[in-house]
Amino acid sequence: MTIMLQVFEQVYSPTTPWQHRKIAFIDADHIVAMRLDGQSGVWLDVTKQGESHRLATTRSAAEACYFLLSVFGKIAECQQKGGSWIIGHDGFDAATIHAAKFPLS
């Protein structure tokens, strides 16, 4: 079972077209910490020493907290259902967090 989570390679504004955003996917099993930066950013720390990934940049610190909890919830939901999943989002709004089972059958 693998759960891949979308992260951003750079910080983008909400007006940056999706075609210009560089994204990557990390294995949720390699996440050692999810953290807030005290402003509006949500970050993931992974098992490789010193490696962090930007998960989202929200409109406020409160929304960042909600985004972080929503991602935790989506990962737990995928683990409970079993199988392999890919989780994506727009990087700004927790309502856009969606999971898709893969490979598609």
N, C-alpha and C. Protein backbone atom coordinates (compact mmCIF):
# COMPACT_ATOMS: atom_id res chain seq x y z
N MET A 1 0.84 -1.17 0.00
CA MET A 1 0.00 0.00 0.00
C MET A 1 0.90 1.24 0.00
N THR A 2 0.62 2.14 -0.93
CA THR A 2 1.37 3.39 -1.03
C THR A 2 0.39 4.55 -1.08
N ILE A 3 0.68 5.59 -0.34
CA ILE A 3 -0.10 6.82 -0.41
C ILE A 3 0.87 7.92 -0.80
N MET A 4 0.65 8.48 -1.99
CA MET A 4 1.49 9.55 -2.50
C MET A 4 0.78 10.89 -2.28
N LEU A 5 1.50 11.86 -1.75
CA LEU A 5 0.93 13.16 -1.41
C LEU A 5 1.61 14.26 -2.22
N GLN A 6 0.80 15.11 -2.83
CA GLN A 6 1.31 16.21 -3.65
C GLN A 6 1.94 17.30 -2.79
N VAL A 7 3.12 17.77 -3.22
CA VAL A 7 3.79 18.90 -2.58
C VAL A 7 4.27 19.85 -3.67
N PHE A 8 4.61 21.07 -3.28
CA PHE A 8 5.09 22.06 -4.23
C PHE A 8 6.59 22.26 -4.07
N GLU A 9 7.28 22.41 -5.20
CA GLU A 9 8.72 22.61 -5.17
C GLU A 9 9.10 24.05 -4.88
N GLN A 10 8.14 24.97 -5.03
CA GLN A 10 8.38 26.39 -4.77
C GLN A 10 7.15 26.96 -4.09
N VAL A 11 7.24 28.21 -3.67
CA VAL A 11 6.09 28.91 -3.09
C VAL A 11 5.41 29.69 -4.21
N TYR A 12 4.10 29.52 -4.34
CA TYR A 12 3.34 30.18 -5.40
C TYR A 12 2.22 31.02 -4.82
N SER A 13 1.84 32.05 -5.55
CA SER A 13 0.69 32.86 -5.16
C SER A 13 -0.57 32.20 -5.69
N PRO A 14 -1.73 32.52 -5.13
CA PRO A 14 -2.98 31.93 -5.61
C PRO A 14 -3.27 32.25 -7.08
N THR A 15 -2.65 33.29 -7.62
CA THR A 15 -2.91 33.67 -9.01
C THR A 15 -1.97 33.00 -10.01
N THR A 16 -0.98 32.24 -9.53
CA THR A 16 -0.07 31.55 -10.44
C THR A 16 -0.83 30.44 -11.16
N PRO A 17 -0.83 30.44 -12.49
CA PRO A 17 -1.53 29.37 -13.23
C PRO A 17 -0.94 28.00 -12.88
N TRP A 18 -1.79 26.99 -12.82
CA TRP A 18 -1.32 25.65 -12.42
C TRP A 18 -0.26 25.14 -13.37
N GLN A 19 -0.29 25.55 -14.64
CA GLN A 19 0.70 25.10 -15.61
C GLN A 19 2.11 25.57 -15.26
N HIS A 20 2.22 26.60 -14.45
CA HIS A 20 3.52 27.15 -14.08
C HIS A 20 3.99 26.69 -12.70
N ARG A 21 3.23 25.85 -12.05
CA ARG A 21 3.61 25.37 -10.72
C ARG A 21 4.35 24.04 -10.84
N LYS A 22 5.46 23.93 -10.16
CA LYS A 22 6.22 22.68 -10.15
C LYS A 22 5.78 21.88 -8.94
N ILE A 23 5.33 20.67 -9.19
CA ILE A 23 4.86 19.82 -8.10
C ILE A 23 5.64 18.52 -8.07
N ALA A 24 5.58 17.85 -6.94
CA ALA A 24 6.18 16.54 -6.76
C ALA A 24 5.23 15.74 -5.87
N PHE A 25 5.47 14.46 -5.78
CA PHE A 25 4.67 13.60 -4.91
C PHE A 25 5.62 12.85 -3.99
N ILE A 26 5.28 12.81 -2.71
CA ILE A 26 6.10 12.09 -1.75
C ILE A 26 5.28 10.97 -1.12
N ASP A 27 5.97 9.92 -0.73
CA ASP A 27 5.33 8.77 -0.09
C ASP A 27 4.97 9.17 1.35
N ALA A 28 3.72 9.04 1.70
CA ALA A 28 3.26 9.43 3.05
C ALA A 28 3.99 8.66 4.15
N ASP A 29 4.50 7.46 3.84
CA ASP A 29 5.25 6.70 4.83
C ASP A 29 6.57 7.38 5.21
N HIS A 30 7.04 8.31 4.38
CA HIS A 30 8.31 8.99 4.65
C HIS A 30 8.13 10.31 5.40
N ILE A 31 6.88 10.67 5.70
CA ILE A 31 6.63 11.90 6.44
C ILE A 31 6.93 11.66 7.93
N VAL A 32 7.79 12.50 8.48
CA VAL A 32 8.09 12.40 9.91
C VAL A 32 7.42 13.52 10.70
N ALA A 33 7.05 14.62 10.00
CA ALA A 33 6.37 15.73 10.68
C ALA A 33 5.61 16.56 9.66
N MET A 34 4.45 17.05 10.10
CA MET A 34 3.71 18.08 9.36
C MET A 34 3.70 19.27 10.30
N ARG A 35 4.02 20.46 9.76
CA ARG A 35 4.12 21.61 10.66
C ARG A 35 3.60 22.88 9.99
N LEU A 36 3.23 23.81 10.84
CA LEU A 36 2.79 25.14 10.40
C LEU A 36 3.96 26.09 10.59
N ASP A 37 4.10 27.08 9.71
CA ASP A 37 5.21 28.01 9.85
C ASP A 37 4.86 29.25 10.67
N GLY A 38 3.66 29.28 11.27
CA GLY A 38 3.26 30.41 12.10
C GLY A 38 2.60 31.52 11.32
N GLN A 39 2.56 31.40 10.01
CA GLN A 39 1.89 32.39 9.17
C GLN A 39 0.77 31.67 8.42
N SER A 40 1.01 31.33 7.17
CA SER A 40 -0.04 30.64 6.41
C SER A 40 0.50 29.44 5.66
N GLY A 41 1.69 28.99 6.01
CA GLY A 41 2.30 27.87 5.31
C GLY A 41 2.17 26.56 6.06
N VAL A 42 2.04 25.48 5.29
CA VAL A 42 2.00 24.12 5.82
C VAL A 42 3.18 23.38 5.20
N TRP A 43 3.99 22.76 6.05
CA TRP A 43 5.21 22.10 5.60
C TRP A 43 5.23 20.63 6.02
N LEU A 44 5.93 19.82 5.24
CA LEU A 44 6.16 18.42 5.57
C LEU A 44 7.66 18.20 5.73
N ASP A 45 8.05 17.51 6.77
CA ASP A 45 9.43 17.06 6.93
C ASP A 45 9.44 15.57 6.64
N VAL A 46 10.45 15.14 5.90
CA VAL A 46 10.52 13.72 5.53
C VAL A 46 11.76 13.09 6.15
N THR A 47 11.92 11.78 5.93
CA THR A 47 12.96 11.02 6.60
C THR A 47 14.37 11.47 6.22
N LYS A 48 14.56 12.02 5.02
CA LYS A 48 15.89 12.50 4.63
C LYS A 48 16.23 13.74 5.46
N GLN A 49 17.36 13.71 6.13
CA GLN A 49 17.78 14.79 7.04
C GLN A 49 17.74 16.15 6.35
N GLY A 50 17.04 17.10 6.95
CA GLY A 50 17.00 18.47 6.45
C GLY A 50 16.07 18.71 5.27
N GLU A 51 15.37 17.69 4.82
CA GLU A 51 14.49 17.85 3.66
C GLU A 51 13.07 18.19 4.10
N SER A 52 12.55 19.31 3.57
CA SER A 52 11.19 19.76 3.85
C SER A 52 10.50 20.08 2.53
N HIS A 53 9.19 19.95 2.52
CA HIS A 53 8.40 20.25 1.33
C HIS A 53 7.23 21.14 1.71
N ARG A 54 6.93 22.11 0.86
CA ARG A 54 5.77 22.99 1.06
C ARG A 54 4.54 22.23 0.61
N LEU A 55 3.62 22.04 1.53
CA LEU A 55 2.36 21.38 1.21
C LEU A 55 1.34 22.40 0.73
N ALA A 56 1.27 23.56 1.39
CA ALA A 56 0.27 24.56 1.03
C ALA A 56 0.65 25.93 1.57
N THR A 57 0.08 26.95 0.94
CA THR A 57 0.13 28.33 1.43
C THR A 57 -1.31 28.82 1.41
N THR A 58 -1.89 28.98 2.57
CA THR A 58 -3.31 29.35 2.67
C THR A 58 -3.46 30.86 2.89
N ARG A 59 -4.69 31.32 2.98
CA ARG A 59 -4.96 32.75 3.16
C ARG A 59 -4.71 33.23 4.60
N SER A 60 -4.74 32.31 5.56
CA SER A 60 -4.56 32.71 6.96
C SER A 60 -3.96 31.55 7.76
N ALA A 61 -3.48 31.87 8.94
CA ALA A 61 -2.92 30.83 9.82
C ALA A 61 -4.00 29.83 10.23
N ALA A 62 -5.22 30.30 10.46
CA ALA A 62 -6.32 29.40 10.83
C ALA A 62 -6.62 28.42 9.70
N GLU A 63 -6.60 28.90 8.46
CA GLU A 63 -6.84 28.02 7.32
C GLU A 63 -5.69 27.03 7.15
N ALA A 64 -4.48 27.45 7.48
CA ALA A 64 -3.33 26.55 7.40
C ALA A 64 -3.51 25.38 8.36
N CYS A 65 -3.97 25.66 9.56
CA CYS A 65 -4.23 24.62 10.56
C CYS A 65 -5.30 23.66 10.04
N TYR A 66 -6.37 24.19 9.48
CA TYR A 66 -7.45 23.35 8.94
C TYR A 66 -6.94 22.52 7.77
N PHE A 67 -6.10 23.09 6.91
CA PHE A 67 -5.53 22.36 5.78
C PHE A 67 -4.71 21.18 6.29
N LEU A 68 -3.85 21.44 7.27
CA LEU A 68 -3.00 20.39 7.84
C LEU A 68 -3.85 19.25 8.40
N LEU A 69 -4.86 19.58 9.18
CA LEU A 69 -5.73 18.55 9.76
C LEU A 69 -6.51 17.80 8.68
N SER A 70 -6.91 18.49 7.63
CA SER A 70 -7.64 17.85 6.54
C SER A 70 -6.76 16.84 5.80
N VAL A 71 -5.48 17.18 5.62
CA VAL A 71 -4.56 16.24 4.97
C VAL A 71 -4.35 15.02 5.85
N PHE A 72 -4.15 15.23 7.17
CA PHE A 72 -4.04 14.10 8.10
C PHE A 72 -5.27 13.19 7.98
N GLY A 73 -6.44 13.80 7.95
CA GLY A 73 -7.68 13.04 7.83
C GLY A 73 -7.77 12.26 6.54
N LYS A 74 -7.35 12.87 5.44
CA LYS A 74 -7.41 12.19 4.14
C LYS A 74 -6.43 11.01 4.10
N ILE A 75 -5.24 11.18 4.67
CA ILE A 75 -4.28 10.08 4.73
C ILE A 75 -4.86 8.93 5.56
N ALA A 76 -5.45 9.24 6.70
CA ALA A 76 -6.05 8.21 7.56
C ALA A 76 -7.19 7.49 6.83
N GLU A 77 -8.00 8.24 6.11
CA GLU A 77 -9.10 7.65 5.35
C GLU A 77 -8.57 6.67 4.30
N CYS A 78 -7.51 7.05 3.60
CA CYS A 78 -6.92 6.18 2.58
C CYS A 78 -6.31 4.93 3.22
N GLN A 79 -5.64 5.09 4.35
CA GLN A 79 -5.07 3.93 5.05
C GLN A 79 -6.16 2.97 5.48
N GLN A 80 -7.27 3.50 5.95
CA GLN A 80 -8.37 2.67 6.41
C GLN A 80 -8.99 1.88 5.25
N LYS A 81 -9.09 2.50 4.08
CA LYS A 81 -9.68 1.84 2.92
C LYS A 81 -8.74 0.83 2.29
N GLY A 82 -7.42 0.99 2.51
CA GLY A 82 -6.44 0.07 1.96
C GLY A 82 -6.14 0.37 0.49
N GLY A 83 -5.08 -0.24 0.00
CA GLY A 83 -4.69 -0.04 -1.38
C GLY A 83 -3.77 1.16 -1.53
N SER A 84 -3.51 1.51 -2.78
CA SER A 84 -2.62 2.63 -3.09
C SER A 84 -3.42 3.84 -3.53
N TRP A 85 -2.98 5.02 -3.08
CA TRP A 85 -3.72 6.26 -3.32
C TRP A 85 -2.78 7.38 -3.71
N ILE A 86 -3.32 8.35 -4.43
CA ILE A 86 -2.62 9.59 -4.72
C ILE A 86 -3.52 10.72 -4.22
N ILE A 87 -2.95 11.63 -3.45
CA ILE A 87 -3.71 12.74 -2.87
C ILE A 87 -3.21 14.05 -3.49
N GLY A 88 -4.14 14.82 -4.03
CA GLY A 88 -3.80 16.09 -4.65
C GLY A 88 -4.67 17.22 -4.12
N HIS A 89 -4.28 18.45 -4.45
CA HIS A 89 -4.98 19.65 -3.96
C HIS A 89 -4.46 20.85 -4.73
N ASP A 90 -5.07 22.01 -4.52
CA ASP A 90 -4.60 23.22 -5.21
C ASP A 90 -3.55 23.98 -4.42
N GLY A 91 -3.27 23.58 -3.21
CA GLY A 91 -2.24 24.23 -2.40
C GLY A 91 -2.71 25.45 -1.64
N PHE A 92 -4.02 25.77 -1.71
CA PHE A 92 -4.54 26.96 -1.04
C PHE A 92 -5.79 26.68 -0.22
N ASP A 93 -6.63 25.78 -0.70
CA ASP A 93 -7.96 25.57 -0.11
C ASP A 93 -8.14 24.10 0.27
N ALA A 94 -8.44 23.84 1.54
CA ALA A 94 -8.62 22.46 2.02
C ALA A 94 -9.77 21.75 1.31
N ALA A 95 -10.73 22.49 0.80
CA ALA A 95 -11.86 21.88 0.10
C ALA A 95 -11.43 21.18 -1.19
N THR A 96 -10.23 21.49 -1.68
CA THR A 96 -9.76 20.88 -2.93
C THR A 96 -8.97 19.58 -2.71
N ILE A 97 -8.80 19.16 -1.47
CA ILE A 97 -8.04 17.94 -1.19
C ILE A 97 -8.87 16.73 -1.62
N HIS A 98 -8.31 15.95 -2.56
CA HIS A 98 -9.00 14.77 -3.07
C HIS A 98 -8.02 13.62 -3.19
N ALA A 99 -8.53 12.42 -3.01
CA ALA A 99 -7.71 11.22 -3.15
C ALA A 99 -8.29 10.36 -4.27
N ALA A 100 -7.39 9.75 -5.03
CA ALA A 100 -7.80 8.83 -6.09
C ALA A 100 -7.01 7.54 -5.93
N LYS A 101 -7.72 6.44 -6.04
CA LYS A 101 -7.08 5.13 -5.94
C LYS A 101 -6.27 4.89 -7.21
N PHE A 102 -5.10 4.29 -7.08
CA PHE A 102 -4.34 3.93 -8.27
C PHE A 102 -3.70 2.57 -8.06
N PRO A 103 -3.41 1.82 -9.11
CA PRO A 103 -3.76 2.16 -10.48
C PRO A 103 -5.28 2.10 -10.67
N LEU A 104 -5.74 2.90 -11.63
CA LEU A 104 -7.18 2.90 -11.92
C LEU A 104 -7.57 1.55 -12.47
N SER A 105 -8.70 1.03 -12.02
CA SER A 105 -9.14 -0.28 -12.50
C SER A 105 -10.37 -0.17 -13.35
